Amino acid sequence: MDMKILEELHEWGARVARLVELVALTNKTLQLHRELGDTQSIIEQYERLLAEHQQELDELLRTYGLTIKLLPLDNAA
């Protein structure tokens, strides 16, 4: 395998890992704001941010024909 392909794959993997981390952190933050009873506008901001992270992650994964299923934190086992 050529070095350029390996470098691209490594960069792709780093971006995927970072987005998975951002999805997890945003999901946890969203849950916290809901539990604290924060305003609807704050909750909606985090919902939009979560959706943006998930969309970007989905697009990156499709590059290699992959998908992952993300469950809301309250449904996770």
C-alpha atoms as a PDB file:
ATOM      1  CA  MET A   1       0.000   0.000   0.000  1.00  0.00           C
ATOM      2  CA  ASP A   2       1.402   3.360  -0.912  1.00  0.00           C
ATOM      3  CA  MET A   3       2.394   5.856   1.782  1.00  0.00           C
ATOM      4  CA  LYS A   4      -0.031   8.525   0.578  1.00  0.00           C
ATOM      5  CA  ILE A   5      -2.958   6.147   1.000  1.00  0.00           C
ATOM      6  CA  LEU A   6      -1.757   5.186   4.481  1.00  0.00           C
ATOM      7  CA  GLU A   7      -1.418   8.840   5.472  1.00  0.00           C
ATOM      8  CA  GLU A   8      -4.912   9.617   4.179  1.00  0.00           C
ATOM      9  CA  LEU A   9      -6.343   6.645   6.052  1.00  0.00           C
ATOM     10  CA  HIS A  10      -4.556   7.691   9.242  1.00  0.00           C
ATOM     11  CA  GLU A  11      -5.916  11.246   8.921  1.00  0.00           C
ATOM     12  CA  TRP A  12      -9.404   9.871   8.238  1.00  0.00           C
ATOM     13  CA  GLY A  13      -9.192   7.656  11.329  1.00  0.00           C
ATOM     14  CA  ALA A  14      -8.100  10.558  13.514  1.00  0.00           C
ATOM     15  CA  ARG A  15     -11.023  12.666  12.280  1.00  0.00           C
ATOM     16  CA  VAL A  16     -13.485   9.814  12.901  1.00  0.00           C
ATOM     17  CA  ALA A  17     -12.120   9.279  16.413  1.00  0.00           C
ATOM     18  CA  ARG A  18     -12.385  12.994  17.203  1.00  0.00           C
ATOM     19  CA  LEU A  19     -15.960  13.151  15.942  1.00  0.00           C
ATOM     20  CA  VAL A  20     -16.951  10.090  17.980  1.00  0.00           C
ATOM     21  CA  GLU A  21     -15.499  11.859  21.005  1.00  0.00           C
ATOM     22  CA  LEU A  22     -17.396  15.067  20.173  1.00  0.00           C
ATOM     23  CA  VAL A  23     -20.661  13.149  19.727  1.00  0.00           C
ATOM     24  CA  ALA A  24     -20.187  11.466  23.111  1.00  0.00           C
ATOM     25  CA  LEU A  25     -19.297  14.699  24.901  1.00  0.00           C
ATOM     26  CA  THR A  26     -22.111  16.664  23.302  1.00  0.00           C
ATOM     27  CA  ASN A  27     -24.598  13.899  24.074  1.00  0.00           C
ATOM     28  CA  LYS A  28     -23.519  13.849  27.733  1.00  0.00           C
ATOM     29  CA  THR A  29     -23.664  17.652  27.949  1.00  0.00           C
ATOM     30  CA  LEU A  30     -27.135  17.643  26.404  1.00  0.00           C
ATOM     31  CA  GLN A  31     -28.316  15.084  28.946  1.00  0.00           C
ATOM     32  CA  LEU A  32     -26.906  17.210  31.774  1.00  0.00           C
ATOM     33  CA  HIS A  33     -28.721  20.336  30.539  1.00  0.00           C
ATOM     34  CA  ARG A  34     -31.962  18.392  30.290  1.00  0.00           C
ATOM     35  CA  GLU A  35     -31.559  17.031  33.826  1.00  0.00           C
ATOM     36  CA  LEU A  36     -30.834  20.521  35.167  1.00  0.00           C
ATOM     37  CA  GLY A  37     -33.974  21.836  33.502  1.00  0.00           C
ATOM     38  CA  ASP A  38     -32.133  24.440  31.454  1.00  0.00           C
ATOM     39  CA  THR A  39     -33.973  26.613  28.970  1.00  0.00           C
ATOM     40  CA  GLN A  40     -35.282  25.129  25.758  1.00  0.00           C
ATOM     41  CA  SER A  41     -32.990  27.382  23.719  1.00  0.00           C
ATOM     42  CA  ILE A  42     -29.870  25.943  25.373  1.00  0.00           C
ATOM     43  CA  ILE A  43     -31.131  22.404  24.857  1.00  0.00           C
ATOM     44  CA  GLU A  44     -31.917  23.128  21.204  1.00  0.00           C
ATOM     45  CA  GLN A  45     -28.412  24.543  20.679  1.00  0.00           C
ATOM     46  CA  TYR A  46     -26.873  21.307  21.927  1.00  0.00           C
ATOM     47  CA  GLU A  47     -29.314  19.236  19.862  1.00  0.00           C
ATOM     48  CA  ARG A  48     -28.222  21.135  16.734  1.00  0.00           C
ATOM     49  CA  LEU A  49     -24.553  20.734  17.626  1.00  0.00           C
ATOM     50  CA  LEU A  50     -25.054  17.004  18.189  1.00  0.00           C
ATOM     51  CA  ALA A  51     -26.828  16.658  14.843  1.00  0.00           C
ATOM     52  CA  GLU A  52     -23.971  18.509  13.095  1.00  0.00           C
ATOM     53  CA  HIS A  53     -21.352  16.225  14.644  1.00  0.00           C
ATOM     54  CA  GLN A  54     -23.377  13.134  13.749  1.00  0.00           C
ATOM     55  CA  GLN A  55     -23.851  14.289  10.160  1.00  0.00           C
ATOM     56  CA  GLU A  56     -20.142  14.984   9.707  1.00  0.00           C
ATOM     57  CA  LEU A  57     -19.301  11.584  11.206  1.00  0.00           C
ATOM     58  CA  ASP A  58     -21.798   9.844   8.912  1.00  0.00           C
ATOM     59  CA  GLU A  59     -20.263  11.544   5.870  1.00  0.00           C
ATOM     60  CA  LEU A  60     -16.749  10.501   6.861  1.00  0.00           C
ATOM     61  CA  LEU A  61     -17.806   6.915   7.478  1.00  0.00           C
ATOM     62  CA  ARG A  62     -19.562   6.687   4.109  1.00  0.00           C
ATOM     63  CA  THR A  63     -16.177   7.396   2.495  1.00  0.00           C
ATOM     64  CA  TYR A  64     -15.258   3.791   3.306  1.00  0.00           C
ATOM     65  CA  GLY A  65     -18.761   2.324   3.105  1.00  0.00           C
ATOM     66  CA  LEU A  66     -19.234   2.249   6.878  1.00  0.00           C
ATOM     67  CA  THR A  67     -22.047   3.221   9.214  1.00  0.00           C
ATOM     68  CA  ILE A  68     -22.444   3.179  12.977  1.00  0.00           C
ATOM     69  CA  LYS A  69     -25.566   3.283  15.060  1.00  0.00           C
ATOM     70  CA  LEU A  70     -25.591   5.991  17.719  1.00  0.00           C
ATOM     71  CA  LEU A  71     -28.012   5.551  20.580  1.00  0.00           C
ATOM     72  CA  PRO A  72     -29.172   8.356  22.854  1.00  0.00           C
ATOM     73  CA  LEU A  73     -27.356   8.178  26.169  1.00  0.00           C
ATOM     74  CA  ASP A  74     -30.484   7.188  28.084  1.00  0.00           C
ATOM     75  CA  ASN A  75     -30.936   4.116  25.819  1.00  0.00           C
ATOM     76  CA  ALA A  76     -27.332   2.927  25.922  1.00  0.00           C
ATOM     77  CA  ALA A  77     -26.678  -0.340  27.725  1.00  0.00           C
END
